[in-house]
Amino acid sequence: MEKVRQKKISKALSYWLRHNPEKIGIELTEDGWTDVKILIEKASSILLFDFNELKHVVQNNDKKRFSLSEDFCEIRANQGHSIDVEMKFEEVVPPRIIYHGAPVGVIDLIMKEGLKKMKRHHVHLSPDEDTAAKVGSRRGKFEILEIEAMAMRADGHKIYISENGVYLVDEVPVKYIKRQNGKR
């Protein structure tokens, strides 16, 4: 499948499965799953794709945004929902440091108020600097922040991991954030 088509399908799936299932008339279960056949049928009025293309997008998405059920009958987004779903994430012992890529325009605010989930269910954190850079660069010039994850956990903050390796927290207070240039 050509990259342009793969990206188009991926963006549409992200929108429908994370933010607006009503746009194409699908329903999500309490934990975010929807029927694959119904999704493909309902999506056809906006974007035509078949099961093989859908499966290819799920398996080849660089951020592993989606999961198919074991029987391939259901699909869901792994995280990043702005709608009400009850995802069950595994609480983990994180590495000492995890990362967050953020646009330079919001760094001062983050350093005053911390990282907040805003309209999402969690703050998303990256396991490594390269991933944080990919996330941060989506909006232009960015900075990578170091998050003292083990210190957060020691202080009682729960840290989860999604199926695609994204660390998830309710918030990151300022005291756990360090700019890579050494500033706090």
C-alpha atoms as a PDB file:
ATOM      1  CA  MET A   1       0.000   0.000   0.000  1.00  0.00           C
ATOM      2  CA  GLU A   2       1.338   3.424  -0.847  1.00  0.00           C
ATOM      3  CA  LYS A   3       2.327   5.598   2.128  1.00  0.00           C
ATOM      4  CA  VAL A   4      -0.081   8.419   1.251  1.00  0.00           C
ATOM      5  CA  ARG A   5      -3.061   6.067   1.293  1.00  0.00           C
ATOM      6  CA  GLN A   6      -1.878   4.364   4.474  1.00  0.00           C
ATOM      7  CA  LYS A   7      -1.580   7.738   6.208  1.00  0.00           C
ATOM      8  CA  LYS A   8      -5.017   8.838   4.998  1.00  0.00           C
ATOM      9  CA  ILE A   9      -6.676   5.691   6.370  1.00  0.00           C
ATOM     10  CA  SER A  10      -4.702   5.960   9.632  1.00  0.00           C
ATOM     11  CA  LYS A  11      -5.746   9.575  10.186  1.00  0.00           C
ATOM     12  CA  ALA A  12      -9.386   8.718   9.502  1.00  0.00           C
ATOM     13  CA  LEU A  13      -9.261   5.776  11.922  1.00  0.00           C
ATOM     14  CA  SER A  14      -7.661   7.963  14.594  1.00  0.00           C
ATOM     15  CA  TYR A  15     -10.404  10.537  14.216  1.00  0.00           C
ATOM     16  CA  TRP A  16     -13.259   8.014  14.269  1.00  0.00           C
ATOM     17  CA  LEU A  17     -11.905   5.660  16.946  1.00  0.00           C
ATOM     18  CA  ARG A  18     -10.434   8.289  19.296  1.00  0.00           C
ATOM     19  CA  HIS A  19     -12.541  11.398  18.881  1.00  0.00           C
ATOM     20  CA  ASN A  20     -15.721  11.174  16.798  1.00  0.00           C
ATOM     21  CA  PRO A  21     -17.276   7.756  16.090  1.00  0.00           C
ATOM     22  CA  GLU A  22     -20.614   9.479  15.429  1.00  0.00           C
ATOM     23  CA  LYS A  23     -19.153  11.109  12.322  1.00  0.00           C
ATOM     24  CA  ILE A  24     -19.608   7.813  10.462  1.00  0.00           C
ATOM     25  CA  GLY A  25     -22.297   6.331  12.693  1.00  0.00           C
ATOM     26  CA  ILE A  26     -20.307   3.697  14.572  1.00  0.00           C
ATOM     27  CA  GLU A  27     -20.592   2.856  18.244  1.00  0.00           C
ATOM     28  CA  LEU A  28     -17.711   2.011  20.541  1.00  0.00           C
ATOM     29  CA  THR A  29     -17.970  -0.394  23.448  1.00  0.00           C
ATOM     30  CA  GLU A  30     -17.178   0.825  26.947  1.00  0.00           C
ATOM     31  CA  ASP A  31     -13.516  -0.073  26.363  1.00  0.00           C
ATOM     32  CA  GLY A  32     -13.266   1.388  22.858  1.00  0.00           C
ATOM     33  CA  TRP A  33     -13.872  -1.568  20.522  1.00  0.00           C
ATOM     34  CA  THR A  34     -16.058  -1.477  17.408  1.00  0.00           C
ATOM     35  CA  ASP A  35     -17.031  -4.067  14.806  1.00  0.00           C
ATOM     36  CA  VAL A  36     -14.627  -4.149  11.824  1.00  0.00           C
ATOM     37  CA  LYS A  37     -17.301  -4.950   9.214  1.00  0.00           C
ATOM     38  CA  ILE A  38     -19.540  -2.135  10.417  1.00  0.00           C
ATOM     39  CA  LEU A  39     -16.594   0.291  10.490  1.00  0.00           C
ATOM     40  CA  ILE A  40     -15.627  -0.528   6.892  1.00  0.00           C
ATOM     41  CA  GLU A  41     -19.253  -0.282   5.755  1.00  0.00           C
ATOM     42  CA  LYS A  42     -19.955   3.025   7.528  1.00  0.00           C
ATOM     43  CA  ALA A  43     -16.625   4.543   6.462  1.00  0.00           C
ATOM     44  CA  SER A  44     -17.348   3.814   2.795  1.00  0.00           C
ATOM     45  CA  SER A  45     -19.390   7.005   2.426  1.00  0.00           C
ATOM     46  CA  ILE A  46     -16.237   8.997   3.273  1.00  0.00           C
ATOM     47  CA  LEU A  47     -13.261   6.729   2.569  1.00  0.00           C
ATOM     48  CA  LEU A  48     -13.273   3.369   0.792  1.00  0.00           C
ATOM     49  CA  PHE A  49     -10.954   0.664   2.123  1.00  0.00           C
ATOM     50  CA  ASP A  50     -11.189  -3.072   2.564  1.00  0.00           C
ATOM     51  CA  PHE A  51     -10.238  -5.433   5.394  1.00  0.00           C
ATOM     52  CA  ASN A  52      -6.761  -6.141   3.975  1.00  0.00           C
ATOM     53  CA  GLU A  53      -5.979  -2.424   3.795  1.00  0.00           C
ATOM     54  CA  LEU A  54      -7.295  -1.935   7.338  1.00  0.00           C
ATOM     55  CA  LYS A  55      -5.180  -4.824   8.605  1.00  0.00           C
ATOM     56  CA  HIS A  56      -2.123  -3.402   6.808  1.00  0.00           C
ATOM     57  CA  VAL A  57      -2.639   0.013   8.448  1.00  0.00           C
ATOM     58  CA  VAL A  58      -2.994  -1.558  11.906  1.00  0.00           C
ATOM     59  CA  GLN A  59       0.083  -3.764  11.503  1.00  0.00           C
ATOM     60  CA  ASN A  60       2.297  -1.121   9.895  1.00  0.00           C
ATOM     61  CA  ASN A  61       1.380   2.006  11.840  1.00  0.00           C
ATOM     62  CA  ASP A  62       4.684   3.351  13.177  1.00  0.00           C
ATOM     63  CA  LYS A  63       3.070   4.387  16.458  1.00  0.00           C
ATOM     64  CA  LYS A  64       0.984   1.204  16.822  1.00  0.00           C
ATOM     65  CA  ARG A  65      -2.120   3.334  17.358  1.00  0.00           C
ATOM     66  CA  PHE A  66      -4.639   0.542  16.783  1.00  0.00           C
ATOM     67  CA  SER A  67      -5.354  -3.036  17.819  1.00  0.00           C
ATOM     68  CA  LEU A  68      -7.386  -5.733  16.153  1.00  0.00           C
ATOM     69  CA  SER A  69      -9.014  -8.381  18.328  1.00  0.00           C
ATOM     70  CA  GLU A  70      -7.578 -11.900  18.131  1.00  0.00           C
ATOM     71  CA  ASP A  71     -10.395 -12.978  15.795  1.00  0.00           C
ATOM     72  CA  PHE A  72      -9.977  -9.791  13.670  1.00  0.00           C
ATOM     73  CA  CYS A  73     -13.642  -8.918  14.176  1.00  0.00           C
ATOM     74  CA  GLU A  74     -13.081  -5.785  16.296  1.00  0.00           C
ATOM     75  CA  ILE A  75     -10.741  -2.794  16.235  1.00  0.00           C
ATOM     76  CA  ARG A  76      -9.903  -0.014  18.674  1.00  0.00           C
ATOM     77  CA  ALA A  77      -7.472   2.836  19.186  1.00  0.00           C
ATOM     78  CA  ASN A  78      -4.856   1.990  21.833  1.00  0.00           C
ATOM     79  CA  GLN A  79      -4.950   5.373  23.562  1.00  0.00           C
ATOM     80  CA  GLY A  80      -5.412   9.092  22.958  1.00  0.00           C
ATOM     81  CA  HIS A  81      -9.185   9.226  23.235  1.00  0.00           C
ATOM     82  CA  SER A  82     -10.962  12.501  23.838  1.00  0.00           C
ATOM     83  CA  ILE A  83     -14.275  10.648  24.170  1.00  0.00           C
ATOM     84  CA  ASP A  84     -15.447   8.654  27.160  1.00  0.00           C
ATOM     85  CA  VAL A  85     -13.962   5.146  27.051  1.00  0.00           C
ATOM     86  CA  GLU A  86     -12.691   2.959  29.877  1.00  0.00           C
ATOM     87  CA  MET A  87      -9.368   1.617  28.691  1.00  0.00           C
ATOM     88  CA  LYS A  88      -7.677  -0.779  31.058  1.00  0.00           C
ATOM     89  CA  PHE A  89      -3.960  -0.100  31.138  1.00  0.00           C
ATOM     90  CA  GLU A  90      -1.301  -2.021  32.990  1.00  0.00           C
ATOM     91  CA  GLU A  91       0.409  -0.140  35.812  1.00  0.00           C
ATOM     92  CA  VAL A  92       4.187  -0.466  35.409  1.00  0.00           C
ATOM     93  CA  VAL A  93       7.494   0.298  37.003  1.00  0.00           C
ATOM     94  CA  PRO A  94       8.915   2.773  34.479  1.00  0.00           C
ATOM     95  CA  PRO A  95      12.521   3.552  33.640  1.00  0.00           C
ATOM     96  CA  ARG A  96      14.080   6.263  35.804  1.00  0.00           C
ATOM     97  CA  ILE A  97      13.581   8.867  33.049  1.00  0.00           C
ATOM     98  CA  ILE A  98      10.919   9.030  30.340  1.00  0.00           C
ATOM     99  CA  TYR A  99      10.381  11.851  27.856  1.00  0.00           C
ATOM    100  CA  HIS A 100       7.885  14.317  26.451  1.00  0.00           C
ATOM    101  CA  GLY A 101       8.291  16.244  23.200  1.00  0.00           C
ATOM    102  CA  ALA A 102       6.514  19.596  23.308  1.00  0.00           C
ATOM    103  CA  PRO A 103       6.286  22.627  21.008  1.00  0.00           C
ATOM    104  CA  VAL A 104       8.607  25.422  22.158  1.00  0.00           C
ATOM    105  CA  GLY A 105       5.634  27.775  22.459  1.00  0.00           C
ATOM    106  CA  VAL A 106       4.208  25.879  25.432  1.00  0.00           C
ATOM    107  CA  ILE A 107       7.426  25.085  27.326  1.00  0.00           C
ATOM    108  CA  ASP A 108       7.226  28.095  29.672  1.00  0.00           C
ATOM    109  CA  LEU A 109       3.641  27.208  30.605  1.00  0.00           C
ATOM    110  CA  ILE A 110       4.578  23.552  31.187  1.00  0.00           C
ATOM    111  CA  MET A 111       7.458  24.646  33.418  1.00  0.00           C
ATOM    112  CA  LYS A 112       5.001  26.727  35.481  1.00  0.00           C
ATOM    113  CA  GLU A 113       2.007  24.384  35.612  1.00  0.00           C
ATOM    114  CA  GLY A 114       3.288  20.909  34.717  1.00  0.00           C
ATOM    115  CA  LEU A 115       1.923  18.576  32.068  1.00  0.00           C
ATOM    116  CA  LYS A 116      -1.848  18.162  32.088  1.00  0.00           C
ATOM    117  CA  LYS A 117      -4.020  15.764  30.142  1.00  0.00           C
ATOM    118  CA  MET A 118      -6.244  18.564  28.846  1.00  0.00           C
ATOM    119  CA  LYS A 119      -9.123  16.932  26.883  1.00  0.00           C
ATOM    120  CA  ARG A 120      -7.469  13.512  26.778  1.00  0.00           C
ATOM    121  CA  HIS A 121      -7.640  10.706  29.314  1.00  0.00           C
ATOM    122  CA  HIS A 122      -3.905  10.823  30.099  1.00  0.00           C
ATOM    123  CA  VAL A 123      -0.656  12.683  29.482  1.00  0.00           C
ATOM    124  CA  HIS A 124       1.372  10.702  26.934  1.00  0.00           C
ATOM    125  CA  LEU A 125       5.065  10.139  27.601  1.00  0.00           C
ATOM    126  CA  SER A 126       7.686   8.480  25.436  1.00  0.00           C
ATOM    127  CA  PRO A 127      10.116   5.714  26.378  1.00  0.00           C
ATOM    128  CA  ASP A 128      13.032   7.352  24.539  1.00  0.00           C
ATOM    129  CA  GLU A 129      14.226  10.656  23.126  1.00  0.00           C
ATOM    130  CA  ASP A 130      13.737   9.628  19.481  1.00  0.00           C
ATOM    131  CA  THR A 131      10.048   8.900  20.019  1.00  0.00           C
ATOM    132  CA  ALA A 132       9.600  12.135  21.981  1.00  0.00           C
ATOM    133  CA  ALA A 133      11.257  14.010  19.107  1.00  0.00           C
ATOM    134  CA  LYS A 134       8.836  12.482  16.577  1.00  0.00           C
ATOM    135  CA  VAL A 135       5.883  13.499  18.719  1.00  0.00           C
ATOM    136  CA  GLY A 136       7.233  16.977  19.438  1.00  0.00           C
ATOM    137  CA  SER A 137       8.155  17.732  15.842  1.00  0.00           C
ATOM    138  CA  ARG A 138       4.568  17.358  14.604  1.00  0.00           C
ATOM    139  CA  ARG A 139       3.941  21.005  15.459  1.00  0.00           C
ATOM    140  CA  GLY A 140       7.239  22.491  14.301  1.00  0.00           C
ATOM    141  CA  LYS A 141      10.068  23.542  16.597  1.00  0.00           C
ATOM    142  CA  PHE A 142      10.080  21.494  19.797  1.00  0.00           C
ATOM    143  CA  GLU A 143      11.950  20.708  22.967  1.00  0.00           C
ATOM    144  CA  ILE A 144      12.347  17.374  24.728  1.00  0.00           C
ATOM    145  CA  LEU A 145      11.551  17.322  28.421  1.00  0.00           C
ATOM    146  CA  GLU A 146      12.898  14.692  30.803  1.00  0.00           C
ATOM    147  CA  ILE A 147      10.352  13.279  33.235  1.00  0.00           C
ATOM    148  CA  GLU A 148      11.633  11.771  36.487  1.00  0.00           C
ATOM    149  CA  ALA A 149       9.282   8.810  36.309  1.00  0.00           C
ATOM    150  CA  MET A 150      10.694   6.736  39.174  1.00  0.00           C
ATOM    151  CA  ALA A 151      10.514   9.727  41.506  1.00  0.00           C
ATOM    152  CA  MET A 152       6.901  10.276  40.445  1.00  0.00           C
ATOM    153  CA  ARG A 153       6.090   6.640  41.149  1.00  0.00           C
ATOM    154  CA  ALA A 154       7.872   6.764  44.520  1.00  0.00           C
ATOM    155  CA  ASP A 155       5.656   9.724  45.427  1.00  0.00           C
ATOM    156  CA  GLY A 156       2.503   7.743  44.624  1.00  0.00           C
ATOM    157  CA  HIS A 157       1.748   8.706  41.018  1.00  0.00           C
ATOM    158  CA  LYS A 158       0.466   5.790  38.960  1.00  0.00           C
ATOM    159  CA  ILE A 159       2.207   5.175  35.652  1.00  0.00           C
ATOM    160  CA  TYR A 160       0.618   2.978  33.023  1.00  0.00           C
ATOM    161  CA  ILE A 161       1.705   1.665  29.657  1.00  0.00           C
ATOM    162  CA  SER A 162      -0.488   1.209  26.595  1.00  0.00           C
ATOM    163  CA  GLU A 163      -0.284  -1.700  24.176  1.00  0.00           C
ATOM    164  CA  ASN A 164       1.923   0.374  21.903  1.00  0.00           C
ATOM    165  CA  GLY A 165       4.496   1.325  24.548  1.00  0.00           C
ATOM    166  CA  VAL A 166       3.303   4.843  25.395  1.00  0.00           C
ATOM    167  CA  TYR A 167       3.570   5.734  29.084  1.00  0.00           C
ATOM    168  CA  LEU A 168       0.398   7.287  30.484  1.00  0.00           C
ATOM    169  CA  VAL A 169      -0.092   9.416  33.593  1.00  0.00           C
ATOM    170  CA  ASP A 170      -2.851  11.655  34.919  1.00  0.00           C
ATOM    171  CA  GLU A 171      -0.466  14.605  35.215  1.00  0.00           C
ATOM    172  CA  VAL A 172       3.200  15.475  35.607  1.00  0.00           C
ATOM    173  CA  PRO A 173       3.798  18.071  38.316  1.00  0.00           C
ATOM    174  CA  VAL A 174       6.548  20.595  37.603  1.00  0.00           C
ATOM    175  CA  LYS A 175       8.936  19.149  40.186  1.00  0.00           C
ATOM    176  CA  TYR A 176       9.406  16.020  38.005  1.00  0.00           C
ATOM    177  CA  ILE A 177      10.130  17.908  34.758  1.00  0.00           C
ATOM    178  CA  LYS A 178      13.602  18.882  33.610  1.00  0.00           C
ATOM    179  CA  ARG A 179      14.532  20.624  30.398  1.00  0.00           C
ATOM    180  CA  GLN A 180      17.370  18.941  28.553  1.00  0.00           C
ATOM    181  CA  ASN A 181      19.351  22.156  28.726  1.00  0.00           C
ATOM    182  CA  GLY A 182      19.373  21.662  32.505  1.00  0.00           C
ATOM    183  CA  LYS A 183      16.758  24.298  33.351  1.00  0.00           C
ATOM    184  CA  ARG A 184      13.951  23.523  35.753  1.00  0.00           C
END
